[in-house]
Amino acid sequence: MPRKQSPTLTGAELRIMEVLWKRAHATVADVAAALPPPPLAYNTVLTTLRILERKGHVTHEEAGRAFVYRPAIARDDAAQTAVGDVVKRFFRNNPGELALRLIERERPSPDELARLRSLIEEYEEES
């Protein structure tokens, strides 16, 4: 039985998506050449792009003999999906628990603390 595909990006998929988000469109060879080390083989990039297309994260169009791939989702949308997955799996679907864990782990900067205070005040006014 085939493994269920995850809506979140694997590490290899994210590396390839970063190239596409930066370039907006690229062939397999373009992606392979633009990846930071360690390099991936052309066939690995091609296979990963096909998986990303099946997941709905990229589309392609033909340009002569080459396929040109484009991101079908924005980086922020992919990040939102990944964070939602972490919240669901590790924090019992409670985003506040994740926020508290992050703040407890590393002290926010003064700017971040100001933003947090502003959000807290806004939420208290809405209550």
C-alpha atoms as a PDB file:
ATOM      1  CA  MET A   1       0.000   0.000   0.000  1.00  0.00           C
ATOM      2  CA  PRO A   2       1.491   3.389  -0.960  1.00  0.00           C
ATOM      3  CA  ARG A   3       2.379   5.815   1.770  1.00  0.00           C
ATOM      4  CA  LYS A   4      -0.087   8.664   2.323  1.00  0.00           C
ATOM      5  CA  GLN A   5       1.306  11.915   0.938  1.00  0.00           C
ATOM      6  CA  SER A   6       1.825  14.679   3.448  1.00  0.00           C
ATOM      7  CA  PRO A   7       0.586  18.182   2.619  1.00  0.00           C
ATOM      8  CA  THR A   8       3.706  19.589   4.272  1.00  0.00           C
ATOM      9  CA  LEU A   9       7.052  19.817   2.509  1.00  0.00           C
ATOM     10  CA  THR A  10       9.920  17.440   3.189  1.00  0.00           C
ATOM     11  CA  GLY A  11      13.417  18.876   3.542  1.00  0.00           C
ATOM     12  CA  ALA A  12      14.316  18.057  -0.074  1.00  0.00           C
ATOM     13  CA  GLU A  13      11.025  19.463  -1.338  1.00  0.00           C
ATOM     14  CA  LEU A  14      11.559  22.679   0.616  1.00  0.00           C
ATOM     15  CA  ARG A  15      15.043  23.119  -0.886  1.00  0.00           C
ATOM     16  CA  ILE A  16      13.563  22.896  -4.374  1.00  0.00           C
ATOM     17  CA  MET A  17      10.607  25.137  -3.544  1.00  0.00           C
ATOM     18  CA  GLU A  18      13.007  27.793  -2.193  1.00  0.00           C
ATOM     19  CA  VAL A  19      14.652  27.899  -5.636  1.00  0.00           C
ATOM     20  CA  LEU A  20      11.284  28.186  -7.392  1.00  0.00           C
ATOM     21  CA  TRP A  21      10.021  30.891  -5.019  1.00  0.00           C
ATOM     22  CA  LYS A  22      13.190  32.879  -5.610  1.00  0.00           C
ATOM     23  CA  ARG A  23      13.267  32.437  -9.409  1.00  0.00           C
ATOM     24  CA  ALA A  24       9.474  32.231 -10.096  1.00  0.00           C
ATOM     25  CA  HIS A  25      10.065  29.580 -12.800  1.00  0.00           C
ATOM     26  CA  ALA A  26      12.837  27.162 -13.712  1.00  0.00           C
ATOM     27  CA  THR A  27      13.672  24.012 -15.634  1.00  0.00           C
ATOM     28  CA  VAL A  28      14.940  20.906 -13.853  1.00  0.00           C
ATOM     29  CA  ALA A  29      18.509  21.825 -14.866  1.00  0.00           C
ATOM     30  CA  ASP A  30      18.018  25.387 -13.569  1.00  0.00           C
ATOM     31  CA  VAL A  31      16.785  24.091 -10.215  1.00  0.00           C
ATOM     32  CA  ALA A  32      19.614  21.561  -9.911  1.00  0.00           C
ATOM     33  CA  ALA A  33      22.206  24.259 -10.672  1.00  0.00           C
ATOM     34  CA  ALA A  34      20.677  26.772  -8.231  1.00  0.00           C
ATOM     35  CA  LEU A  35      20.454  24.434  -5.234  1.00  0.00           C
ATOM     36  CA  PRO A  36      22.818  25.181  -2.372  1.00  0.00           C
ATOM     37  CA  PRO A  37      25.182  22.368  -1.327  1.00  0.00           C
ATOM     38  CA  PRO A  38      24.901  19.480  -1.094  1.00  0.00           C
ATOM     39  CA  PRO A  39      23.978  19.101  -4.759  1.00  0.00           C
ATOM     40  CA  LEU A  40      21.175  16.829  -5.940  1.00  0.00           C
ATOM     41  CA  ALA A  41      21.323  14.713  -9.072  1.00  0.00           C
ATOM     42  CA  TYR A  42      19.222  15.825 -12.039  1.00  0.00           C
ATOM     43  CA  ASN A  43      17.015  12.722 -11.720  1.00  0.00           C
ATOM     44  CA  THR A  44      16.436  13.399  -8.019  1.00  0.00           C
ATOM     45  CA  VAL A  45      15.361  16.976  -8.772  1.00  0.00           C
ATOM     46  CA  LEU A  46      13.064  15.726 -11.556  1.00  0.00           C
ATOM     47  CA  THR A  47      11.475  13.093  -9.301  1.00  0.00           C
ATOM     48  CA  THR A  48      10.988  15.604  -6.496  1.00  0.00           C
ATOM     49  CA  LEU A  49       9.409  18.140  -8.864  1.00  0.00           C
ATOM     50  CA  ARG A  50       6.989  15.457 -10.076  1.00  0.00           C
ATOM     51  CA  ILE A  51       6.064  14.666  -6.465  1.00  0.00           C
ATOM     52  CA  LEU A  52       5.570  18.378  -5.767  1.00  0.00           C
ATOM     53  CA  GLU A  53       3.317  18.587  -8.817  1.00  0.00           C
ATOM     54  CA  ARG A  54       1.220  15.624  -7.611  1.00  0.00           C
ATOM     55  CA  LYS A  55       0.893  17.378  -4.241  1.00  0.00           C
ATOM     56  CA  GLY A  56      -0.285  20.536  -6.005  1.00  0.00           C
ATOM     57  CA  HIS A  57       2.706  22.649  -4.968  1.00  0.00           C
ATOM     58  CA  VAL A  58       4.085  23.233  -8.492  1.00  0.00           C
ATOM     59  CA  THR A  59       2.818  23.320 -12.061  1.00  0.00           C
ATOM     60  CA  HIS A  60       4.698  22.995 -15.313  1.00  0.00           C
ATOM     61  CA  GLU A  61       4.434  24.060 -18.911  1.00  0.00           C
ATOM     62  CA  GLU A  62       6.341  22.797 -21.905  1.00  0.00           C
ATOM     63  CA  ALA A  63       8.955  25.047 -23.474  1.00  0.00           C
ATOM     64  CA  GLY A  64      10.301  23.121 -26.421  1.00  0.00           C
ATOM     65  CA  ARG A  65      11.668  19.868 -25.038  1.00  0.00           C
ATOM     66  CA  ALA A  66      12.007  21.172 -21.488  1.00  0.00           C
ATOM     67  CA  PHE A  67       9.419  21.551 -18.772  1.00  0.00           C
ATOM     68  CA  VAL A  68       9.368  24.873 -16.946  1.00  0.00           C
ATOM     69  CA  TYR A  69       8.170  24.559 -13.357  1.00  0.00           C
ATOM     70  CA  ARG A  70       6.430  27.279 -11.336  1.00  0.00           C
ATOM     71  CA  PRO A  71       5.334  27.367  -7.720  1.00  0.00           C
ATOM     72  CA  ALA A  72       1.593  26.850  -7.338  1.00  0.00           C
ATOM     73  CA  ILE A  73       1.578  27.913  -3.688  1.00  0.00           C
ATOM     74  CA  ALA A  74       3.087  30.929  -1.967  1.00  0.00           C
ATOM     75  CA  ARG A  75       5.855  30.500   0.580  1.00  0.00           C
ATOM     76  CA  ASP A  76       3.626  31.941   3.328  1.00  0.00           C
ATOM     77  CA  ASP A  77       0.901  29.395   2.530  1.00  0.00           C
ATOM     78  CA  ALA A  78       3.395  26.529   2.753  1.00  0.00           C
ATOM     79  CA  ALA A  79       4.674  27.897   6.073  1.00  0.00           C
ATOM     80  CA  GLN A  80       1.111  28.188   7.396  1.00  0.00           C
ATOM     81  CA  THR A  81       0.427  24.564   6.471  1.00  0.00           C
ATOM     82  CA  ALA A  82       3.638  23.407   8.150  1.00  0.00           C
ATOM     83  CA  VAL A  83       2.929  25.363  11.344  1.00  0.00           C
ATOM     84  CA  GLY A  84      -0.640  24.061  11.380  1.00  0.00           C
ATOM     85  CA  ASP A  85       0.686  20.514  11.104  1.00  0.00           C
ATOM     86  CA  VAL A  86       3.081  21.046  14.023  1.00  0.00           C
ATOM     87  CA  VAL A  87       0.300  22.584  16.148  1.00  0.00           C
ATOM     88  CA  LYS A  88      -2.021  19.686  15.375  1.00  0.00           C
ATOM     89  CA  ARG A  89       0.521  16.921  15.935  1.00  0.00           C
ATOM     90  CA  PHE A  90       2.493  18.226  18.914  1.00  0.00           C
ATOM     91  CA  PHE A  91       0.307  20.796  20.665  1.00  0.00           C
ATOM     92  CA  ARG A  92      -3.159  19.189  20.651  1.00  0.00           C
ATOM     93  CA  ASN A  93      -4.384  21.741  18.096  1.00  0.00           C
ATOM     94  CA  ASN A  94      -3.659  24.609  20.485  1.00  0.00           C
ATOM     95  CA  PRO A  95      -1.566  27.355  18.819  1.00  0.00           C
ATOM     96  CA  GLY A  96      -1.240  29.181  22.141  1.00  0.00           C
ATOM     97  CA  GLU A  97       0.739  26.234  23.519  1.00  0.00           C
ATOM     98  CA  LEU A  98       3.191  26.519  20.637  1.00  0.00           C
ATOM     99  CA  ALA A  99       3.528  30.281  21.174  1.00  0.00           C
ATOM    100  CA  LEU A 100       4.212  29.780  24.880  1.00  0.00           C
ATOM    101  CA  ARG A 101       6.791  27.076  24.172  1.00  0.00           C
ATOM    102  CA  LEU A 102       8.611  29.332  21.733  1.00  0.00           C
ATOM    103  CA  ILE A 103       8.643  32.295  24.103  1.00  0.00           C
ATOM    104  CA  GLU A 104       9.789  30.148  27.035  1.00  0.00           C
ATOM    105  CA  ARG A 105      12.617  28.676  24.977  1.00  0.00           C
ATOM    106  CA  GLU A 106      14.145  31.896  23.683  1.00  0.00           C
ATOM    107  CA  ARG A 107      13.697  35.406  24.988  1.00  0.00           C
ATOM    108  CA  PRO A 108      11.982  37.658  22.420  1.00  0.00           C
ATOM    109  CA  SER A 109      13.761  40.807  21.252  1.00  0.00           C
ATOM    110  CA  PRO A 110      12.476  44.194  22.465  1.00  0.00           C
ATOM    111  CA  ASP A 111      10.648  44.679  19.137  1.00  0.00           C
ATOM    112  CA  GLU A 112       9.057  41.249  19.401  1.00  0.00           C
ATOM    113  CA  LEU A 113       8.024  41.935  23.008  1.00  0.00           C
ATOM    114  CA  ALA A 114       6.376  45.174  21.894  1.00  0.00           C
ATOM    115  CA  ARG A 115       4.483  43.306  19.170  1.00  0.00           C
ATOM    116  CA  LEU A 116       3.385  40.672  21.689  1.00  0.00           C
ATOM    117  CA  ARG A 117       2.148  43.349  24.121  1.00  0.00           C
ATOM    118  CA  SER A 118       0.235  45.037  21.326  1.00  0.00           C
ATOM    119  CA  LEU A 119      -1.407  41.750  20.333  1.00  0.00           C
ATOM    120  CA  ILE A 120      -2.297  40.942  23.934  1.00  0.00           C
ATOM    121  CA  GLU A 121      -3.883  44.374  24.385  1.00  0.00           C
ATOM    122  CA  GLU A 122      -5.806  43.961  21.137  1.00  0.00           C
ATOM    123  CA  TYR A 123      -7.089  40.536  22.182  1.00  0.00           C
ATOM    124  CA  GLU A 124      -8.060  41.801  25.650  1.00  0.00           C
ATOM    125  CA  GLU A 125     -10.067  44.645  24.091  1.00  0.00           C
ATOM    126  CA  GLU A 126     -11.934  42.155  21.906  1.00  0.00           C
ATOM    127  CA  SER A 127     -12.899  39.988  24.921  1.00  0.00           C
END
